[in-house]
Amino acid sequence: IKAIGIYLLPQKFFEYYKKVPEHQYAFESALDLYAKENEARVVIVKEEPSSFKYPWHLFEVTKFLMDKYLGNKTHIGKNAKIYEGAVIKGPCYIGDNCVIGNNSLIREYVNLENDCLIGAFAEVTRSIFQEDIHTHSGYFGDSIFGKGCRLGAGTITANVRIDRGEIKSAVKEEKINTGLTSLGCIMGENTKTGVHCSLMPGVLIGSNCLIWPSSVVSGNIRDNTVFRLDK
């Protein structure tokens, strides 16, 4: 049995929550403590809905929605431009006013919101791009990019460990096992990368950051950071 879905909780539940030490599953521990001392009712469902706790859970939600509404097709929005040699393999969602450059590859469960530009020779797979993101050439796999990001030529999101093991991501200084063997980066809004940047699997990069050319990002970066490796 697994607890999922929506909770209708009385105000006194938070008295129990305060008794539980802070950790990854504090909410679940508080529920257990409350249910031992109070009446609790449940509704049993036959299908397990998608989790939505960590940012990488968005991939599962995206896959569910595309499978349901697109099948293996691709939605192409108004005024989108797709140039010669570009390949799009569905299911994909391409929003209004997007530009897909020459000889680029967009494949499987890619969500490009409005006003995105994918440069020539870029490859994007299983990734989520919010509005107004521009890339040059590069590889963007299993990643999430916030609104207004600018990704320089040769930017690479490494999305697989060299030993092909499950990827861990640091959340509040705790290593969380994502359960995924393919996971790129999660990037906040308005962050920019210079040319030839390499972003390692599972890194979380904040908003309004500047990542200098030729940087290798192997750990998380906080908001408003200028990241430059010392030579």
C-alpha atoms as a PDB file:
ATOM      1  CA  ILE A   1       0.000   0.000   0.000  1.00  0.00           C
ATOM      2  CA  LYS A   2       1.298   3.432  -0.956  1.00  0.00           C
ATOM      3  CA  ALA A   3      -0.104   6.819   0.088  1.00  0.00           C
ATOM      4  CA  ILE A   4      -0.643   9.048  -2.952  1.00  0.00           C
ATOM      5  CA  GLY A   5      -2.811  11.883  -4.190  1.00  0.00           C
ATOM      6  CA  ILE A   6      -4.615  14.652  -2.283  1.00  0.00           C
ATOM      7  CA  TYR A   7      -4.810  15.017   1.503  1.00  0.00           C
ATOM      8  CA  LEU A   8      -7.627  16.728   3.417  1.00  0.00           C
ATOM      9  CA  LEU A   9      -6.024  17.548   6.754  1.00  0.00           C
ATOM     10  CA  PRO A  10      -7.418  19.246   9.879  1.00  0.00           C
ATOM     11  CA  GLN A  11      -5.536  22.099  11.480  1.00  0.00           C
ATOM     12  CA  LYS A  12      -4.370  19.954  14.395  1.00  0.00           C
ATOM     13  CA  PHE A  13      -2.357  17.790  11.966  1.00  0.00           C
ATOM     14  CA  PHE A  14       0.344  20.453  12.037  1.00  0.00           C
ATOM     15  CA  GLU A  15       0.796  19.874  15.767  1.00  0.00           C
ATOM     16  CA  TYR A  16       1.927  16.357  14.862  1.00  0.00           C
ATOM     17  CA  TYR A  17       4.101  17.649  12.037  1.00  0.00           C
ATOM     18  CA  LYS A  18       6.038  19.827  14.481  1.00  0.00           C
ATOM     19  CA  LYS A  19       6.882  16.729  16.552  1.00  0.00           C
ATOM     20  CA  VAL A  20       8.637  14.997  13.659  1.00  0.00           C
ATOM     21  CA  PRO A  21      12.360  15.638  12.998  1.00  0.00           C
ATOM     22  CA  GLU A  22      12.974  17.408   9.693  1.00  0.00           C
ATOM     23  CA  HIS A  23      13.979  14.942   6.980  1.00  0.00           C
ATOM     24  CA  GLN A  24      13.012  13.862   3.458  1.00  0.00           C
ATOM     25  CA  TYR A  25       9.914  11.941   4.583  1.00  0.00           C
ATOM     26  CA  ALA A  26       8.832  14.164   7.486  1.00  0.00           C
ATOM     27  CA  PHE A  27       5.355  14.637   6.029  1.00  0.00           C
ATOM     28  CA  GLU A  28       4.786  10.896   5.711  1.00  0.00           C
ATOM     29  CA  SER A  29       6.055  10.343   9.270  1.00  0.00           C
ATOM     30  CA  ALA A  30       3.639  12.967  10.581  1.00  0.00           C
ATOM     31  CA  LEU A  31       0.775  11.276   8.735  1.00  0.00           C
ATOM     32  CA  ASP A  32       1.668   7.964  10.344  1.00  0.00           C
ATOM     33  CA  LEU A  33       1.791   9.539  13.803  1.00  0.00           C
ATOM     34  CA  TYR A  34      -1.533  11.316  13.278  1.00  0.00           C
ATOM     35  CA  ALA A  35      -3.290   8.184  11.983  1.00  0.00           C
ATOM     36  CA  LYS A  36      -2.224   6.182  15.047  1.00  0.00           C
ATOM     37  CA  GLU A  37      -4.083   8.569  17.349  1.00  0.00           C
ATOM     38  CA  ASN A  38      -6.971   9.824  15.206  1.00  0.00           C
ATOM     39  CA  GLU A  39      -9.540   8.598  12.718  1.00  0.00           C
ATOM     40  CA  ALA A  40      -8.218   8.540   9.149  1.00  0.00           C
ATOM     41  CA  ARG A  41     -10.117   7.639   6.001  1.00  0.00           C
ATOM     42  CA  VAL A  42      -8.715   6.658   2.631  1.00  0.00           C
ATOM     43  CA  VAL A  43      -9.939   6.309  -0.941  1.00  0.00           C
ATOM     44  CA  ILE A  44      -8.383   3.396  -2.805  1.00  0.00           C
ATOM     45  CA  VAL A  45      -7.512   4.011  -6.473  1.00  0.00           C
ATOM     46  CA  LYS A  46      -6.607   1.401  -9.063  1.00  0.00           C
ATOM     47  CA  GLU A  47      -4.002   3.443 -10.949  1.00  0.00           C
ATOM     48  CA  GLU A  48      -1.027   5.162  -9.388  1.00  0.00           C
ATOM     49  CA  PRO A  49      -0.765   8.840 -10.431  1.00  0.00           C
ATOM     50  CA  SER A  50       2.549  10.477 -11.204  1.00  0.00           C
ATOM     51  CA  SER A  51       4.664  11.775  -8.324  1.00  0.00           C
ATOM     52  CA  PHE A  52       5.340  15.499  -8.185  1.00  0.00           C
ATOM     53  CA  LYS A  53       7.842  16.208  -5.421  1.00  0.00           C
ATOM     54  CA  TYR A  54      11.151  16.854  -7.165  1.00  0.00           C
ATOM     55  CA  PRO A  55      11.743  18.740 -10.437  1.00  0.00           C
ATOM     56  CA  TRP A  56      12.672  15.587 -12.371  1.00  0.00           C
ATOM     57  CA  HIS A  57       9.169  14.245 -11.707  1.00  0.00           C
ATOM     58  CA  LEU A  58       8.056  16.650 -14.457  1.00  0.00           C
ATOM     59  CA  PHE A  59       9.437  14.197 -17.012  1.00  0.00           C
ATOM     60  CA  GLU A  60       6.957  11.540 -15.934  1.00  0.00           C
ATOM     61  CA  VAL A  61       4.098  14.050 -16.034  1.00  0.00           C
ATOM     62  CA  THR A  62       5.145  15.233 -19.507  1.00  0.00           C
ATOM     63  CA  LYS A  63       5.342  11.678 -20.804  1.00  0.00           C
ATOM     64  CA  PHE A  64       1.893  10.881 -19.421  1.00  0.00           C
ATOM     65  CA  LEU A  65       0.311  13.950 -21.038  1.00  0.00           C
ATOM     66  CA  MET A  66       2.000  13.460 -24.413  1.00  0.00           C
ATOM     67  CA  ASP A  67       1.105   9.777 -24.547  1.00  0.00           C
ATOM     68  CA  LYS A  68      -2.499  10.648 -23.746  1.00  0.00           C
ATOM     69  CA  TYR A  69      -3.023  13.652 -26.021  1.00  0.00           C
ATOM     70  CA  LEU A  70      -0.405  13.341 -28.785  1.00  0.00           C
ATOM     71  CA  GLY A  71       0.315   9.633 -29.153  1.00  0.00           C
ATOM     72  CA  ASN A  72       3.327   9.581 -31.471  1.00  0.00           C
ATOM     73  CA  LYS A  73       2.408  12.872 -33.159  1.00  0.00           C
ATOM     74  CA  THR A  74       3.937  16.337 -32.867  1.00  0.00           C
ATOM     75  CA  HIS A  75       2.090  19.573 -32.150  1.00  0.00           C
ATOM     76  CA  ILE A  76       3.547  22.541 -34.037  1.00  0.00           C
ATOM     77  CA  GLY A  77       2.324  25.963 -32.929  1.00  0.00           C
ATOM     78  CA  LYS A  78       1.436  29.055 -34.912  1.00  0.00           C
ATOM     79  CA  ASN A  79       4.213  30.834 -36.824  1.00  0.00           C
ATOM     80  CA  ALA A  80       6.781  28.184 -35.925  1.00  0.00           C
ATOM     81  CA  LYS A  81       9.650  27.894 -38.415  1.00  0.00           C
ATOM     82  CA  ILE A  82      11.385  24.609 -39.148  1.00  0.00           C
ATOM     83  CA  TYR A  83      14.401  24.899 -41.427  1.00  0.00           C
ATOM     84  CA  GLU A  84      15.866  22.483 -43.961  1.00  0.00           C
ATOM     85  CA  GLY A  85      17.333  19.246 -42.682  1.00  0.00           C
ATOM     86  CA  ALA A  86      15.701  19.404 -39.250  1.00  0.00           C
ATOM     87  CA  VAL A  87      14.271  16.121 -37.944  1.00  0.00           C
ATOM     88  CA  ILE A  88      11.425  15.937 -35.425  1.00  0.00           C
ATOM     89  CA  LYS A  89      10.453  12.572 -33.962  1.00  0.00           C
ATOM     90  CA  GLY A  90       7.280  12.596 -31.873  1.00  0.00           C
ATOM     91  CA  PRO A  91       5.694  12.825 -29.549  1.00  0.00           C
ATOM     92  CA  CYS A  92       6.796  16.438 -29.182  1.00  0.00           C
ATOM     93  CA  TYR A  93       5.188  19.778 -28.415  1.00  0.00           C
ATOM     94  CA  ILE A  94       6.513  22.843 -30.258  1.00  0.00           C
ATOM     95  CA  GLY A  95       4.915  26.117 -29.211  1.00  0.00           C
ATOM     96  CA  ASP A  96       4.082  29.290 -31.100  1.00  0.00           C
ATOM     97  CA  ASN A  97       6.868  31.283 -32.790  1.00  0.00           C
ATOM     98  CA  CYS A  98       9.508  28.626 -32.202  1.00  0.00           C
ATOM     99  CA  VAL A  99      12.464  28.297 -34.579  1.00  0.00           C
ATOM    100  CA  ILE A 100      14.079  24.919 -35.284  1.00  0.00           C
ATOM    101  CA  GLY A 101      17.424  25.408 -37.041  1.00  0.00           C
ATOM    102  CA  ASN A 102      18.971  23.532 -39.946  1.00  0.00           C
ATOM    103  CA  ASN A 103      19.971  19.904 -39.378  1.00  0.00           C
ATOM    104  CA  SER A 104      18.851  19.885 -35.760  1.00  0.00           C
ATOM    105  CA  LEU A 105      17.268  16.817 -34.129  1.00  0.00           C
ATOM    106  CA  ILE A 106      14.249  17.066 -31.823  1.00  0.00           C
ATOM    107  CA  ARG A 107      13.196  13.659 -30.581  1.00  0.00           C
ATOM    108  CA  GLU A 108      10.729  12.051 -28.212  1.00  0.00           C
ATOM    109  CA  TYR A 109       8.984  13.839 -25.360  1.00  0.00           C
ATOM    110  CA  VAL A 110      10.430  17.274 -26.017  1.00  0.00           C
ATOM    111  CA  ASN A 111       8.326  20.203 -24.800  1.00  0.00           C
ATOM    112  CA  LEU A 112       9.268  23.575 -26.309  1.00  0.00           C
ATOM    113  CA  GLU A 113       7.097  26.412 -25.063  1.00  0.00           C
ATOM    114  CA  ASN A 114       6.511  29.599 -27.075  1.00  0.00           C
ATOM    115  CA  ASP A 115       9.356  31.643 -28.598  1.00  0.00           C
ATOM    116  CA  CYS A 116      12.106  29.051 -28.245  1.00  0.00           C
ATOM    117  CA  LEU A 117      14.988  28.907 -30.723  1.00  0.00           C
ATOM    118  CA  ILE A 118      16.911  25.680 -31.282  1.00  0.00           C
ATOM    119  CA  GLY A 119      20.084  26.390 -33.223  1.00  0.00           C
ATOM    120  CA  ALA A 120      21.470  24.518 -36.199  1.00  0.00           C
ATOM    121  CA  PHE A 121      22.957  21.080 -35.510  1.00  0.00           C
ATOM    122  CA  ALA A 122      21.564  20.951 -31.964  1.00  0.00           C
ATOM    123  CA  GLU A 123      20.060  17.770 -30.511  1.00  0.00           C
ATOM    124  CA  VAL A 124      17.243  17.911 -27.958  1.00  0.00           C
ATOM    125  CA  THR A 125      15.682  14.821 -26.421  1.00  0.00           C
ATOM    126  CA  ARG A 126      13.230  14.210 -23.559  1.00  0.00           C
ATOM    127  CA  SER A 127      13.592  17.779 -22.294  1.00  0.00           C
ATOM    128  CA  ILE A 128      11.390  20.637 -21.128  1.00  0.00           C
ATOM    129  CA  PHE A 129      12.055  24.182 -22.350  1.00  0.00           C
ATOM    130  CA  GLN A 130      10.010  27.012 -20.887  1.00  0.00           C
ATOM    131  CA  GLU A 131       9.352  30.167 -22.909  1.00  0.00           C
ATOM    132  CA  ASP A 132      11.960  32.234 -24.762  1.00  0.00           C
ATOM    133  CA  ILE A 133      14.967  29.916 -24.564  1.00  0.00           C
ATOM    134  CA  HIS A 134      17.715  30.148 -27.195  1.00  0.00           C
ATOM    135  CA  THR A 135      20.325  27.491 -27.903  1.00  0.00           C
ATOM    136  CA  HIS A 136      23.163  27.247 -30.377  1.00  0.00           C
ATOM    137  CA  SER A 137      24.561  23.854 -31.350  1.00  0.00           C
ATOM    138  CA  GLY A 138      24.889  21.360 -28.511  1.00  0.00           C
ATOM    139  CA  TYR A 139      23.243  18.401 -26.799  1.00  0.00           C
ATOM    140  CA  PHE A 140      20.322  18.871 -24.422  1.00  0.00           C
ATOM    141  CA  GLY A 141      19.036  15.602 -23.011  1.00  0.00           C
ATOM    142  CA  ASP A 142      16.673  14.800 -20.119  1.00  0.00           C
ATOM    143  CA  SER A 143      16.917  18.389 -18.872  1.00  0.00           C
ATOM    144  CA  ILE A 144      14.653  21.234 -17.756  1.00  0.00           C
ATOM    145  CA  PHE A 145      15.394  24.880 -18.610  1.00  0.00           C
ATOM    146  CA  GLY A 146      13.627  27.890 -17.108  1.00  0.00           C
ATOM    147  CA  LYS A 147      12.263  30.839 -19.039  1.00  0.00           C
ATOM    148  CA  GLY A 148      14.729  33.096 -20.821  1.00  0.00           C
ATOM    149  CA  CYS A 149      17.840  30.903 -20.697  1.00  0.00           C
ATOM    150  CA  ARG A 150      20.605  31.358 -23.285  1.00  0.00           C
ATOM    151  CA  LEU A 151      22.765  28.318 -24.029  1.00  0.00           C
ATOM    152  CA  GLY A 152      26.023  28.950 -25.863  1.00  0.00           C
ATOM    153  CA  ALA A 153      27.414  26.924 -28.759  1.00  0.00           C
ATOM    154  CA  GLY A 154      28.753  23.550 -27.724  1.00  0.00           C
ATOM    155  CA  THR A 155      26.862  23.396 -24.431  1.00  0.00           C
ATOM    156  CA  ILE A 156      26.453  19.747 -23.431  1.00  0.00           C
ATOM    157  CA  THR A 157      24.159  18.312 -20.785  1.00  0.00           C
ATOM    158  CA  ALA A 158      25.690  14.996 -19.771  1.00  0.00           C
ATOM    159  CA  ASN A 159      22.689  12.835 -18.940  1.00  0.00           C
ATOM    160  CA  VAL A 160      24.153   9.386 -18.213  1.00  0.00           C
ATOM    161  CA  ARG A 161      26.728   8.293 -15.650  1.00  0.00           C
ATOM    162  CA  ILE A 162      29.838   6.668 -17.063  1.00  0.00           C
ATOM    163  CA  ASP A 163      28.993   3.491 -15.109  1.00  0.00           C
ATOM    164  CA  ARG A 164      25.337   3.706 -16.242  1.00  0.00           C
ATOM    165  CA  GLY A 165      24.139   3.722 -12.627  1.00  0.00           C
ATOM    166  CA  GLU A 166      21.209   5.630 -11.139  1.00  0.00           C
ATOM    167  CA  ILE A 167      21.815   9.364 -10.872  1.00  0.00           C
ATOM    168  CA  LYS A 168      21.791  11.192  -7.551  1.00  0.00           C
ATOM    169  CA  SER A 169      20.986  14.880  -7.205  1.00  0.00           C
ATOM    170  CA  ALA A 170      21.818  17.118  -4.239  1.00  0.00           C
ATOM    171  CA  VAL A 171      18.708  18.687  -2.682  1.00  0.00           C
ATOM    172  CA  LYS A 172      19.351  20.875   0.380  1.00  0.00           C
ATOM    173  CA  GLU A 173      22.793  19.282   0.658  1.00  0.00           C
ATOM    174  CA  GLU A 174      21.308  15.776   0.773  1.00  0.00           C
ATOM    175  CA  LYS A 175      22.019  13.338  -2.052  1.00  0.00           C
ATOM    176  CA  ILE A 176      18.687  12.075  -3.394  1.00  0.00           C
ATOM    177  CA  ASN A 177      18.601   8.993  -5.593  1.00  0.00           C
ATOM    178  CA  THR A 178      16.420  10.015  -8.528  1.00  0.00           C
ATOM    179  CA  GLY A 179      15.903   6.419  -9.627  1.00  0.00           C
ATOM    180  CA  LEU A 180      16.775   7.567 -13.149  1.00  0.00           C
ATOM    181  CA  THR A 181      19.649   6.379 -15.293  1.00  0.00           C
ATOM    182  CA  SER A 182      19.167   9.340 -17.666  1.00  0.00           C
ATOM    183  CA  LEU A 183      19.024  12.829 -16.173  1.00  0.00           C
ATOM    184  CA  GLY A 184      20.682  16.014 -17.382  1.00  0.00           C
ATOM    185  CA  CYS A 185      20.478  19.360 -15.593  1.00  0.00           C
ATOM    186  CA  ILE A 186      17.695  21.426 -14.035  1.00  0.00           C
ATOM    187  CA  MET A 187      18.266  25.130 -14.772  1.00  0.00           C
ATOM    188  CA  GLY A 188      16.400  28.161 -13.436  1.00  0.00           C
ATOM    189  CA  GLU A 189      15.240  31.222 -15.343  1.00  0.00           C
ATOM    190  CA  ASN A 190      17.476  33.662 -17.241  1.00  0.00           C
ATOM    191  CA  THR A 191      20.686  31.694 -16.809  1.00  0.00           C
ATOM    192  CA  LYS A 192      23.331  31.889 -19.538  1.00  0.00           C
ATOM    193  CA  THR A 193      26.117  29.506 -20.523  1.00  0.00           C
ATOM    194  CA  GLY A 194      29.174  30.415 -22.566  1.00  0.00           C
ATOM    195  CA  VAL A 195      30.525  28.264 -25.376  1.00  0.00           C
ATOM    196  CA  HIS A 196      31.686  24.695 -24.721  1.00  0.00           C
ATOM    197  CA  CYS A 197      30.141  24.304 -21.267  1.00  0.00           C
ATOM    198  CA  SER A 198      29.649  20.799 -19.861  1.00  0.00           C
ATOM    199  CA  LEU A 199      26.882  20.229 -17.312  1.00  0.00           C
ATOM    200  CA  MET A 200      27.135  16.945 -15.405  1.00  0.00           C
ATOM    201  CA  PRO A 201      24.175  14.608 -14.705  1.00  0.00           C
ATOM    202  CA  GLY A 202      21.733  15.719 -12.028  1.00  0.00           C
ATOM    203  CA  VAL A 203      23.117  19.207 -11.332  1.00  0.00           C
ATOM    204  CA  LEU A 204      20.698  21.919 -10.210  1.00  0.00           C
ATOM    205  CA  ILE A 205      21.539  25.401 -11.515  1.00  0.00           C
ATOM    206  CA  GLY A 206      19.753  28.458 -10.156  1.00  0.00           C
ATOM    207  CA  SER A 207      18.215  31.472 -11.868  1.00  0.00           C
ATOM    208  CA  ASN A 208      20.120  34.499 -13.200  1.00  0.00           C
ATOM    209  CA  CYS A 209      23.466  32.707 -13.302  1.00  0.00           C
ATOM    210  CA  LEU A 210      26.370  33.281 -15.697  1.00  0.00           C
ATOM    211  CA  ILE A 211      28.463  30.220 -16.528  1.00  0.00           C
ATOM    212  CA  TRP A 212      31.752  31.107 -18.185  1.00  0.00           C
ATOM    213  CA  PRO A 213      32.936  29.454 -21.409  1.00  0.00           C
ATOM    214  CA  SER A 214      34.551  25.996 -21.178  1.00  0.00           C
ATOM    215  CA  SER A 215      33.237  25.451 -17.647  1.00  0.00           C
ATOM    216  CA  VAL A 216      32.561  21.964 -16.305  1.00  0.00           C
ATOM    217  CA  VAL A 217      29.689  22.098 -13.814  1.00  0.00           C
ATOM    218  CA  SER A 218      29.736  19.056 -11.536  1.00  0.00           C
ATOM    219  CA  GLY A 219      27.814  20.469  -8.559  1.00  0.00           C
ATOM    220  CA  ASN A 220      24.827  22.675  -7.857  1.00  0.00           C
ATOM    221  CA  ILE A 221      24.981  26.438  -8.483  1.00  0.00           C
ATOM    222  CA  ARG A 222      22.936  28.902  -6.420  1.00  0.00           C
ATOM    223  CA  ASP A 223      20.851  31.753  -7.859  1.00  0.00           C
ATOM    224  CA  ASN A 224      22.660  34.867  -9.112  1.00  0.00           C
ATOM    225  CA  THR A 225      26.063  33.171  -9.310  1.00  0.00           C
ATOM    226  CA  VAL A 226      28.872  33.915 -11.745  1.00  0.00           C
ATOM    227  CA  PHE A 227      30.502  30.502 -12.197  1.00  0.00           C
ATOM    228  CA  ARG A 228      34.072  30.300 -13.405  1.00  0.00           C
ATOM    229  CA  LEU A 229      36.586  27.527 -12.855  1.00  0.00           C
ATOM    230  CA  ASP A 230      39.925  28.791 -11.609  1.00  0.00           C
ATOM    231  CA  LYS A 231      42.783  27.975 -13.923  1.00  0.00           C
END
